[in-house]
Amino acid sequence: MAARNKARKRAFQILFEAEQRGAAPTAVMADWIRLARTDDRQPPVTEYTKQLVQGYSEHAARIDELLSGYAVGWTLDRMPTVDRNVLRLGTYELIWEDDVPDAVVLDEAVQLAKEFSTDESPSFVNGLLGRLMELKPTLGR
């Protein structure tokens, strides 16, 4: 598995755990970092994972606004937790990480949805992120 693929998966897991715990993603990430220092079984938190979690945290309100505005027929609260967090991570990377090709962002998000969510989730994630990708030049940061 490529390094950025692992970093995305860890960032997704941190966002998911943060939502489940009702904690800030950066606080959960700090817990993961502390645990990795003392437990060899805990995967490391790479710089790209940190960048994704911190970036999402800085833009969380705008990301949720975009997802709410463009998810046809779905409120953010009604989305499965996995899908919501895959979409949050994908939206951050799509809009704010200019060094990652948009097609890679979509593919990686769809792969996370395939691995962690329902059979319908990959197409939902692909459709919503695809729409945001089309609108990216007009969305503003």
Protein backbone atom coordinates (compact mmCIF):
# COMPACT_ATOMS: atom_id res chain seq x y z
CA MET A 1 0.00 0.00 0.00
CA ALA A 2 1.40 3.38 -0.98
CA ALA A 3 2.38 5.80 1.76
CA ARG A 4 -0.30 8.38 0.95
CA ASN A 5 -2.92 5.65 0.74
CA LYS A 6 -2.02 4.57 4.28
CA ALA A 7 -1.99 8.20 5.42
CA ARG A 8 -5.50 8.74 4.04
CA LYS A 9 -6.78 5.60 5.70
CA ARG A 10 -5.35 6.68 9.05
CA ALA A 11 -6.76 10.19 8.65
CA PHE A 12 -10.18 8.69 7.89
CA GLN A 13 -9.94 6.46 10.96
CA ILE A 14 -9.02 9.45 13.12
CA LEU A 15 -11.96 11.49 11.80
CA PHE A 16 -14.31 8.55 12.33
CA GLU A 17 -13.08 7.94 15.87
CA ALA A 18 -13.31 11.64 16.68
CA GLU A 19 -16.93 11.73 15.63
CA GLN A 20 -17.73 8.59 17.61
CA ARG A 21 -16.06 9.99 20.71
CA GLY A 22 -17.40 13.52 20.28
CA ALA A 23 -13.82 14.77 20.32
CA ALA A 24 -11.80 17.08 18.13
CA PRO A 25 -9.95 15.22 15.36
CA THR A 26 -6.69 16.88 16.40
CA ALA A 27 -7.14 15.57 19.97
CA VAL A 28 -7.73 12.04 18.70
CA MET A 29 -4.69 12.37 16.46
CA ALA A 30 -2.62 13.44 19.47
CA ASP A 31 -3.83 10.30 21.28
CA TRP A 32 -2.77 8.17 18.31
CA ILE A 33 0.66 9.81 18.25
CA ARG A 34 1.17 9.21 21.99
CA LEU A 35 0.03 5.60 21.68
CA ALA A 36 2.34 4.96 18.71
CA ARG A 37 5.32 5.98 20.86
CA THR A 38 4.59 3.27 23.43
CA ASP A 39 2.83 0.52 21.46
CA ASP A 40 4.58 -1.08 18.48
CA ARG A 41 1.23 -2.41 17.24
CA GLN A 42 -0.15 1.12 16.79
CA PRO A 43 0.48 2.38 13.25
CA PRO A 44 2.47 5.60 13.01
CA VAL A 45 0.83 8.90 12.24
CA THR A 46 2.71 10.22 9.23
CA GLU A 47 3.20 13.84 8.25
CA TYR A 48 0.60 13.53 5.50
CA THR A 49 -1.93 12.10 7.96
CA LYS A 50 -1.27 15.09 10.22
CA GLN A 51 -1.65 17.45 7.27
CA LEU A 52 -5.00 15.90 6.32
CA VAL A 53 -6.43 15.90 9.84
CA GLN A 54 -5.25 19.43 10.60
CA GLY A 55 -6.43 20.68 7.21
CA TYR A 56 -9.85 19.13 7.67
CA SER A 57 -10.08 20.60 11.18
CA GLU A 58 -9.28 24.10 9.90
CA HIS A 59 -11.93 23.91 7.18
CA ALA A 60 -14.55 21.66 8.82
CA ALA A 61 -17.37 24.21 8.77
CA ARG A 62 -16.88 25.01 5.06
CA ILE A 63 -16.54 21.32 4.19
CA ASP A 64 -19.79 20.44 5.95
CA GLU A 65 -21.47 23.41 4.25
CA LEU A 66 -20.36 22.13 0.83
CA LEU A 67 -21.45 18.58 1.55
CA SER A 68 -24.82 19.73 2.87
CA GLY A 69 -25.35 21.98 -0.10
CA TYR A 70 -24.56 19.45 -2.80
CA ALA A 71 -25.73 16.12 -1.35
CA VAL A 72 -29.03 15.81 -3.18
CA GLY A 73 -31.66 14.19 -1.00
CA TRP A 74 -29.29 13.65 1.94
CA THR A 75 -28.68 15.75 5.01
CA LEU A 76 -25.28 15.47 6.60
CA ASP A 77 -26.78 13.92 9.72
CA ARG A 78 -28.62 11.28 7.69
CA MET A 79 -25.49 10.06 5.89
CA PRO A 80 -23.81 6.97 7.33
CA THR A 81 -20.96 8.01 9.62
CA VAL A 82 -18.39 6.26 7.43
CA ASP A 83 -19.59 8.00 4.28
CA ARG A 84 -19.72 11.38 5.98
CA ASN A 85 -16.11 11.11 7.12
CA VAL A 86 -14.84 9.72 3.81
CA LEU A 87 -16.55 12.67 2.12
CA ARG A 88 -15.13 15.15 4.60
CA LEU A 89 -11.61 13.90 4.02
CA GLY A 90 -12.09 13.74 0.25
CA THR A 91 -13.57 17.24 0.11
CA TYR A 92 -10.66 18.67 2.08
CA GLU A 93 -8.13 17.00 -0.16
CA LEU A 94 -10.02 17.90 -3.35
CA ILE A 95 -10.40 21.60 -2.55
CA TRP A 96 -7.32 22.45 -0.47
CA GLU A 97 -4.55 19.99 -1.45
CA ASP A 98 -3.43 21.25 -4.85
CA ASP A 99 -0.56 18.78 -5.23
CA VAL A 100 -2.92 15.77 -5.41
CA PRO A 101 -4.66 15.14 -8.75
CA ASP A 102 -8.45 15.31 -8.45
CA ALA A 103 -8.86 11.85 -10.01
CA VAL A 104 -6.61 10.38 -7.31
CA VAL A 105 -8.67 12.02 -4.57
CA LEU A 106 -11.89 10.55 -6.00
CA ASP A 107 -10.37 7.10 -6.49
CA GLU A 108 -8.94 7.00 -2.97
CA ALA A 109 -12.24 8.13 -1.42
CA VAL A 110 -14.15 5.50 -3.37
CA GLN A 111 -11.68 2.84 -2.21
CA LEU A 112 -12.19 3.87 1.43
CA ALA A 113 -15.96 3.66 0.93
CA LYS A 114 -15.59 0.19 -0.62
CA GLU A 115 -13.47 -1.00 2.28
CA PHE A 116 -15.41 0.48 5.18
CA SER A 117 -19.00 1.17 4.10
CA THR A 118 -22.04 -0.24 2.30
CA ASP A 119 -22.37 -1.50 -1.26
CA GLU A 120 -24.11 1.73 -2.29
CA SER A 121 -21.54 4.03 -0.68
CA PRO A 122 -18.82 4.01 -3.36
CA SER A 123 -21.19 5.37 -6.01
CA PHE A 124 -22.60 7.95 -3.58
CA VAL A 125 -19.10 9.12 -2.61
CA ASN A 126 -17.99 9.18 -6.25
CA GLY A 127 -21.05 11.14 -7.34
CA LEU A 128 -20.86 13.80 -4.65
CA LEU A 129 -17.10 14.30 -4.88
CA GLY A 130 -17.37 14.27 -8.69
CA ARG A 131 -19.90 17.09 -8.48
CA LEU A 132 -17.63 19.08 -6.17
CA MET A 133 -14.72 18.46 -8.55
CA GLU A 134 -16.77 19.89 -11.45
CA LEU A 135 -17.67 22.94 -9.38
CA LYS A 136 -14.23 23.34 -7.80
CA PRO A 137 -13.27 26.45 -9.81
CA THR A 138 -16.40 28.26 -8.60
CA LEU A 139 -16.51 27.05 -4.98
CA GLY A 140 -13.75 29.14 -3.52
CA ARG A 141 -11.84 28.14 -0.47
